[in-house]
C-alpha atoms as a PDB file:
ATOM      1  CA  MET A   1      79.573  66.828 105.527  1.00  0.00           C
ATOM      2  CA  ASN A   2      78.802  64.149 102.695  1.00  0.00           C
ATOM      3  CA  SER A   3      79.903  64.229  99.316  1.00  0.00           C
ATOM      4  CA  THR A   4      77.050  65.651  97.720  1.00  0.00           C
ATOM      5  CA  ILE A   5      77.837  68.914  99.318  1.00  0.00           C
ATOM      6  CA  ARG A   6      81.428  68.538  98.755  1.00  0.00           C
ATOM      7  CA  ARG A   7      80.702  67.898  94.965  1.00  0.00           C
ATOM      8  CA  GLU A   8      78.586  70.986  95.207  1.00  0.00           C
ATOM      9  CA  ILE A   9      81.337  73.140  96.860  1.00  0.00           C
ATOM     10  CA  PHE A  10      83.534  72.485  94.162  1.00  0.00           C
ATOM     11  CA  THR A  11      81.527  72.562  91.492  1.00  0.00           C
ATOM     12  CA  ARG A  12      80.653  76.442  92.590  1.00  0.00           C
ATOM     13  CA  PHE A  13      83.938  77.251  93.008  1.00  0.00           C
ATOM     14  CA  GLN A  14      84.875  76.084  89.200  1.00  0.00           C
ATOM     15  CA  ALA A  15      81.906  77.857  87.840  1.00  0.00           C
ATOM     16  CA  VAL A  16      83.014  81.415  89.301  1.00  0.00           C
ATOM     17  CA  ASN A  17      86.658  80.658  88.537  1.00  0.00           C
ATOM     18  CA  PRO A  18      87.256  77.973  85.617  1.00  0.00           C
ATOM     19  CA  HIS A  19      91.105  78.251  85.325  1.00  0.00           C
ATOM     20  CA  PRO A  20      92.449  79.332  88.693  1.00  0.00           C
ATOM     21  CA  THR A  21      96.390  79.369  89.221  1.00  0.00           C
ATOM     22  CA  THR A  22      99.048  80.650  91.939  1.00  0.00           C
ATOM     23  CA  GLU A  23      99.414  84.322  92.101  1.00  0.00           C
ATOM     24  CA  LEU A  24     103.235  84.314  92.265  1.00  0.00           C
ATOM     25  CA  GLU A  25     104.461  85.495  88.810  1.00  0.00           C
ATOM     26  CA  TYR A  26     107.143  82.934  87.166  1.00  0.00           C
ATOM     27  CA  ASP A  27     107.604  81.765  83.481  1.00  0.00           C
ATOM     28  CA  SER A  28     109.481  78.368  83.957  1.00  0.00           C
ATOM     29  CA  PRO A  29     109.305  75.756  86.593  1.00  0.00           C
ATOM     30  CA  PHE A  30     112.614  77.249  88.303  1.00  0.00           C
ATOM     31  CA  GLU A  31     111.137  80.685  88.333  1.00  0.00           C
ATOM     32  CA  LEU A  32     108.279  79.228  90.251  1.00  0.00           C
ATOM     33  CA  LEU A  33     110.632  77.361  92.526  1.00  0.00           C
ATOM     34  CA  VAL A  34     112.144  80.238  93.359  1.00  0.00           C
ATOM     35  CA  ALA A  35     109.208  82.342  94.209  1.00  0.00           C
ATOM     36  CA  VAL A  36     107.613  79.487  96.012  1.00  0.00           C
ATOM     37  CA  VAL A  37     110.671  79.266  98.063  1.00  0.00           C
ATOM     38  CA  LEU A  38     110.648  82.982  99.018  1.00  0.00           C
ATOM     39  CA  SER A  39     107.144  83.196  99.532  1.00  0.00           C
ATOM     40  CA  ALA A  40     107.527  80.897 102.986  1.00  0.00           C
ATOM     41  CA  GLN A  41     106.035  83.549 105.549  1.00  0.00           C
ATOM     42  CA  ALA A  42     105.722  86.228 103.214  1.00  0.00           C
ATOM     43  CA  THR A  43     103.216  87.639 100.768  1.00  0.00           C
ATOM     44  CA  ASP A  44     102.785  86.666  97.376  1.00  0.00           C
ATOM     45  CA  LYS A  45     102.520  90.593  96.380  1.00  0.00           C
ATOM     46  CA  SER A  46     106.080  91.313  98.159  1.00  0.00           C
ATOM     47  CA  VAL A  47     107.446  88.080  96.711  1.00  0.00           C
ATOM     48  CA  ASN A  48     106.420  89.284  92.878  1.00  0.00           C
ATOM     49  CA  LEU A  49     107.943  92.606  93.359  1.00  0.00           C
ATOM     50  CA  ALA A  50     111.260  91.205  94.230  1.00  0.00           C
ATOM     51  CA  THR A  51     111.332  88.503  91.810  1.00  0.00           C
ATOM     52  CA  ARG A  52     110.036  91.135  88.990  1.00  0.00           C
ATOM     53  CA  LYS A  53     113.393  92.713  89.315  1.00  0.00           C
ATOM     54  CA  LEU A  54     115.411  89.365  90.139  1.00  0.00           C
ATOM     55  CA  PHE A  55     114.245  87.332  86.894  1.00  0.00           C
ATOM     56  CA  LEU A  56     114.996  90.243  84.742  1.00  0.00           C
ATOM     57  CA  LYS A  57     118.711  89.467  86.115  1.00  0.00           C
ATOM     58  CA  ALA A  58     118.563  86.058  87.147  1.00  0.00           C
ATOM     59  CA  ASN A  59     116.371  83.238  85.951  1.00  0.00           C
ATOM     60  CA  THR A  60     118.077  79.995  86.111  1.00  0.00           C
ATOM     61  CA  PRO A  61     120.155  78.656  88.775  1.00  0.00           C
ATOM     62  CA  GLU A  62     123.636  79.352  87.197  1.00  0.00           C
ATOM     63  CA  LYS A  63     122.734  83.164  87.079  1.00  0.00           C
ATOM     64  CA  ILE A  64     121.056  82.503  90.366  1.00  0.00           C
ATOM     65  CA  LEU A  65     125.044  81.347  91.518  1.00  0.00           C
ATOM     66  CA  ALA A  66     126.345  83.945  89.546  1.00  0.00           C
ATOM     67  CA  LEU A  67     124.858  86.783  92.109  1.00  0.00           C
ATOM     68  CA  GLY A  68     126.613  85.281  95.009  1.00  0.00           C
ATOM     69  CA  GLU A  69     125.104  85.319  98.337  1.00  0.00           C
ATOM     70  CA  ALA A  70     125.552  89.060  98.354  1.00  0.00           C
ATOM     71  CA  GLY A  71     123.895  89.816  95.559  1.00  0.00           C
ATOM     72  CA  LEU A  72     121.204  87.604  96.096  1.00  0.00           C
ATOM     73  CA  ARG A  73     120.312  88.861  99.719  1.00  0.00           C
ATOM     74  CA  ASP A  74     120.586  92.666  98.225  1.00  0.00           C
ATOM     75  CA  ALA A  75     117.853  91.087  95.526  1.00  0.00           C
ATOM     76  CA  ILE A  76     115.841  89.877  98.125  1.00  0.00           C
ATOM     77  CA  LYS A  77     116.463  91.813 101.338  1.00  0.00           C
ATOM     78  CA  SER A  78     112.954  93.030 101.132  1.00  0.00           C
ATOM     79  CA  ILE A  79     111.189  89.624 101.883  1.00  0.00           C
ATOM     80  CA  GLY A  80     111.195  88.059 105.258  1.00  0.00           C
ATOM     81  CA  LEU A  81     113.739  85.863 106.248  1.00  0.00           C
ATOM     82  CA  TYR A  82     116.072  86.663 103.211  1.00  0.00           C
ATOM     83  CA  LYS A  83     119.257  85.387 104.766  1.00  0.00           C
ATOM     84  CA  THR A  84     118.396  81.978 105.029  1.00  0.00           C
ATOM     85  CA  LYS A  85     116.049  81.850 101.910  1.00  0.00           C
ATOM     86  CA  ALA A  86     119.149  83.176  99.920  1.00  0.00           C
ATOM     87  CA  LYS A  87     121.252  80.850 101.344  1.00  0.00           C
ATOM     88  CA  ASN A  88     119.258  77.781 100.785  1.00  0.00           C
ATOM     89  CA  LEU A  89     118.150  78.996  96.896  1.00  0.00           C
ATOM     90  CA  LEU A  90     122.297  78.894  96.598  1.00  0.00           C
ATOM     91  CA  ALA A  91     122.660  75.708  97.642  1.00  0.00           C
ATOM     92  CA  THR A  92     119.437  74.236  95.602  1.00  0.00           C
ATOM     93  CA  CYS A  93     120.873  75.757  92.762  1.00  0.00           C
ATOM     94  CA  THR A  94     123.849  74.175  92.920  1.00  0.00           C
ATOM     95  CA  LEU A  95     122.151  70.794  93.763  1.00  0.00           C
ATOM     96  CA  LEU A  96     120.027  71.525  90.403  1.00  0.00           C
ATOM     97  CA  ILE A  97     122.932  71.964  88.173  1.00  0.00           C
ATOM     98  CA  GLU A  98     124.878  68.907  89.728  1.00  0.00           C
ATOM     99  CA  ASP A  99     122.156  66.173  89.868  1.00  0.00           C
ATOM    100  CA  HIS A 100     119.321  67.599  87.439  1.00  0.00           C
ATOM    101  CA  GLY A 101     120.700  69.267  84.524  1.00  0.00           C
ATOM    102  CA  SER A 102     119.754  72.747  85.928  1.00  0.00           C
ATOM    103  CA  LYS A 103     116.239  71.486  85.587  1.00  0.00           C
ATOM    104  CA  VAL A 104     113.781  71.008  88.540  1.00  0.00           C
ATOM    105  CA  PRO A 105     112.898  67.400  89.140  1.00  0.00           C
ATOM    106  CA  GLN A 106     109.302  66.590  88.929  1.00  0.00           C
ATOM    107  CA  THR A 107     109.401  63.856  91.899  1.00  0.00           C
ATOM    108  CA  ARG A 108     108.086  65.105  95.642  1.00  0.00           C
ATOM    109  CA  GLU A 109     111.022  62.568  96.518  1.00  0.00           C
ATOM    110  CA  GLN A 110     113.523  64.970  94.700  1.00  0.00           C
ATOM    111  CA  LEU A 111     111.973  67.969  95.253  1.00  0.00           C
ATOM    112  CA  GLU A 112     112.193  67.310  99.046  1.00  0.00           C
ATOM    113  CA  LYS A 113     115.965  66.997  98.804  1.00  0.00           C
ATOM    114  CA  LEU A 114     116.339  70.309  97.704  1.00  0.00           C
ATOM    115  CA  PRO A 115     117.447  72.622 100.661  1.00  0.00           C
ATOM    116  CA  GLY A 116     114.163  74.918 101.535  1.00  0.00           C
ATOM    117  CA  VAL A 117     111.427  72.624  99.981  1.00  0.00           C
ATOM    118  CA  GLY A 118     109.633  70.973 102.322  1.00  0.00           C
ATOM    119  CA  ARG A 119     106.362  69.050 101.500  1.00  0.00           C
ATOM    120  CA  LYS A 120     103.857  72.185 100.625  1.00  0.00           C
ATOM    121  CA  THR A 121     106.567  73.390  98.433  1.00  0.00           C
ATOM    122  CA  ALA A 122     106.836  70.321  96.398  1.00  0.00           C
ATOM    123  CA  ASN A 123     103.140  70.214  96.487  1.00  0.00           C
ATOM    124  CA  VAL A 124     102.858  73.560  94.420  1.00  0.00           C
ATOM    125  CA  ILE A 125     105.628  72.648  92.053  1.00  0.00           C
ATOM    126  CA  LEU A 126     104.351  69.424  91.106  1.00  0.00           C
ATOM    127  CA  ASN A 127     100.564  70.755  90.749  1.00  0.00           C
ATOM    128  CA  THR A 128     101.300  74.525  89.248  1.00  0.00           C
ATOM    129  CA  ALA A 129     104.165  73.436  87.225  1.00  0.00           C
ATOM    130  CA  PHE A 130     103.645  69.765  86.007  1.00  0.00           C
ATOM    131  CA  GLY A 131      99.525  69.520  86.359  1.00  0.00           C
ATOM    132  CA  GLU A 132      99.691  67.158  88.896  1.00  0.00           C
ATOM    133  CA  PRO A 133      96.720  66.685  91.569  1.00  0.00           C
ATOM    134  CA  THR A 134      98.638  67.181  94.648  1.00  0.00           C
ATOM    135  CA  ILE A 135      97.421  70.060  97.296  1.00  0.00           C
ATOM    136  CA  ALA A 136      99.654  71.940  99.088  1.00  0.00           C
ATOM    137  CA  VAL A 137      98.206  72.862 102.737  1.00  0.00           C
ATOM    138  CA  ASP A 138      98.698  76.196 104.247  1.00  0.00           C
ATOM    139  CA  THR A 139      97.430  78.157 106.490  1.00  0.00           C
ATOM    140  CA  HIS A 140      94.451  79.483 104.391  1.00  0.00           C
ATOM    141  CA  ILE A 141      93.506  75.745 103.376  1.00  0.00           C
ATOM    142  CA  PHE A 142      93.952  74.365 106.707  1.00  0.00           C
ATOM    143  CA  ARG A 143      91.786  76.991 107.929  1.00  0.00           C
ATOM    144  CA  VAL A 144      89.153  76.527 105.445  1.00  0.00           C
ATOM    145  CA  ALA A 145      88.980  72.984 105.407  1.00  0.00           C
ATOM    146  CA  ASN A 146      88.685  72.915 109.105  1.00  0.00           C
ATOM    147  CA  ARG A 147      85.800  75.673 109.472  1.00  0.00           C
ATOM    148  CA  THR A 148      83.796  74.645 106.553  1.00  0.00           C
ATOM    149  CA  GLY A 149      83.877  71.245 107.469  1.00  0.00           C
ATOM    150  CA  ILE A 150      85.446  70.173 103.829  1.00  0.00           C
ATOM    151  CA  ALA A 151      88.436  68.103 105.550  1.00  0.00           C
ATOM    152  CA  PRO A 152      88.668  68.689 109.233  1.00  0.00           C
ATOM    153  CA  GLY A 153      92.163  67.594 110.462  1.00  0.00           C
ATOM    154  CA  LYS A 154      94.319  68.245 113.193  1.00  0.00           C
ATOM    155  CA  THR A 155      97.781  68.564 111.838  1.00  0.00           C
ATOM    156  CA  VAL A 156      98.615  69.858 107.802  1.00  0.00           C
ATOM    157  CA  LEU A 157      99.283  66.314 106.608  1.00  0.00           C
ATOM    158  CA  GLU A 158      96.187  65.130 107.876  1.00  0.00           C
ATOM    159  CA  VAL A 159      94.010  67.429 106.076  1.00  0.00           C
ATOM    160  CA  GLU A 160      95.946  66.814 102.984  1.00  0.00           C
ATOM    161  CA  LEU A 161      95.353  63.445 102.891  1.00  0.00           C
ATOM    162  CA  LYS A 162      91.476  63.755 103.763  1.00  0.00           C
ATOM    163  CA  LEU A 163      91.249  66.788 101.016  1.00  0.00           C
ATOM    164  CA  LEU A 164      92.633  64.367  98.522  1.00  0.00           C
ATOM    165  CA  LYS A 165      90.580  61.359  99.472  1.00  0.00           C
ATOM    166  CA  CYS A 166      87.115  63.152  99.727  1.00  0.00           C
ATOM    167  CA  ILE A 167      87.310  65.937  96.653  1.00  0.00           C
ATOM    168  CA  PRO A 168      86.064  64.242  93.243  1.00  0.00           C
ATOM    169  CA  ARG A 169      88.842  63.545  91.096  1.00  0.00           C
ATOM    170  CA  GLU A 170      87.820  65.982  88.119  1.00  0.00           C
ATOM    171  CA  PHE A 171      88.285  68.869  90.887  1.00  0.00           C
ATOM    172  CA  ARG A 172      91.485  67.747  92.482  1.00  0.00           C
ATOM    173  CA  HIS A 173      94.175  69.506  90.333  1.00  0.00           C
ATOM    174  CA  ASP A 174      92.273  73.077  90.830  1.00  0.00           C
ATOM    175  CA  ALA A 175      91.211  72.859  94.510  1.00  0.00           C
ATOM    176  CA  HIS A 176      94.461  73.575  95.923  1.00  0.00           C
ATOM    177  CA  HIS A 177      94.316  76.994  93.649  1.00  0.00           C
ATOM    178  CA  TRP A 178      90.645  77.432  94.798  1.00  0.00           C
ATOM    179  CA  LEU A 179      90.768  76.640  98.538  1.00  0.00           C
ATOM    180  CA  ILE A 180      93.781  79.107  99.094  1.00  0.00           C
ATOM    181  CA  LEU A 181      92.231  82.093  97.029  1.00  0.00           C
ATOM    182  CA  HIS A 182      88.853  81.348  99.368  1.00  0.00           C
ATOM    183  CA  GLY A 183      90.981  81.524 102.494  1.00  0.00           C
ATOM    184  CA  ARG A 184      92.991  84.356 101.474  1.00  0.00           C
ATOM    185  CA  TYR A 185      89.917  86.536 100.461  1.00  0.00           C
ATOM    186  CA  VAL A 186      86.650  85.257 101.804  1.00  0.00           C
ATOM    187  CA  CYS A 187      86.992  83.050 104.696  1.00  0.00           C
ATOM    188  CA  VAL A 188      89.544  85.099 106.284  1.00  0.00           C
ATOM    189  CA  ALA A 189      90.844  84.536 109.513  1.00  0.00           C
ATOM    190  CA  ARG A 190      89.448  86.936 112.087  1.00  0.00           C
ATOM    191  CA  LYS A 191      86.365  87.704 110.484  1.00  0.00           C
ATOM    192  CA  PRO A 192      84.987  85.331 107.489  1.00  0.00           C
ATOM    193  CA  LYS A 193      83.367  87.436 104.656  1.00  0.00           C
ATOM    194  CA  CYS A 194      80.331  85.001 105.251  1.00  0.00           C
ATOM    195  CA  ALA A 195      77.798  87.389 103.695  1.00  0.00           C
ATOM    196  CA  ILE A 196      79.827  87.393 100.378  1.00  0.00           C
ATOM    197  CA  CYS A 197      80.962  83.736 100.550  1.00  0.00           C
ATOM    198  CA  ILE A 198      79.163  81.283  97.653  1.00  0.00           C
ATOM    199  CA  ILE A 199      79.376  78.551  99.591  1.00  0.00           C
ATOM    200  CA  ASN A 200      77.727  80.028 102.592  1.00  0.00           C
ATOM    201  CA  ASP A 201      74.582  77.801 102.732  1.00  0.00           C
ATOM    202  CA  LEU A 202      76.776  74.901 102.527  1.00  0.00           C
ATOM    203  CA  CYS A 203      79.544  75.427 104.827  1.00  0.00           C
ATOM    204  CA  GLU A 204      79.572  73.906 108.352  1.00  0.00           C
ATOM    205  CA  TYR A 205      80.898  77.001 110.593  1.00  0.00           C
ATOM    206  CA  LYS A 206      78.642  78.036 113.541  1.00  0.00           C
ATOM    207  CA  ASP A 207      79.650  81.150 113.943  1.00  0.00           C
ATOM    208  CA  LYS A 208      78.956  82.875 110.486  1.00  0.00           C
ATOM    209  CA  ASN A 209      79.031  86.434 110.176  1.00  0.00           C
ATOM    210  CA  LEU A 210      75.998  87.372 107.624  1.00  0.00           C
END
């Protein structure tokens, strides 16, 4: 795929959705951090259902810690892997208080030192909370990048680096959200909805479902 086609793809995404954002609900960088940690192997919808209630009671590191492990587990028990996530969140809250003045750090290195925070989560925080042009490659982005030919790669990191290199600078900040939404609702895993896809004439997928 050449640069002209890639530019047209993101031009179309932008025309349809000029201001894309995460579907996770949050009102602060800390709330976003909690939501993203909880979203691992869970749907945004299930996370939002839990955090709407959680954040009414506890939306700061101090308040999360005050819940204790049992209280936090109870608040997020509807989410997969809730026991491990509760443990990680409590440890993260402790580090935020002790090392960062209860604030979410704004560097990848510091974010990745937090329990339960890997490269993907760090990229989401840097992009959505702090406006950096990062791309968090999840299963949706990995599938779309490979299937369409935008940035094929065998690993998540390879796809991320290719996307950062090939996406025109003016689209880089929002590309993360466009690609996730496209993979979630149009370029789905089992049977892509090619007939309603706005980039089906540009996509290199050989088995289009038109």
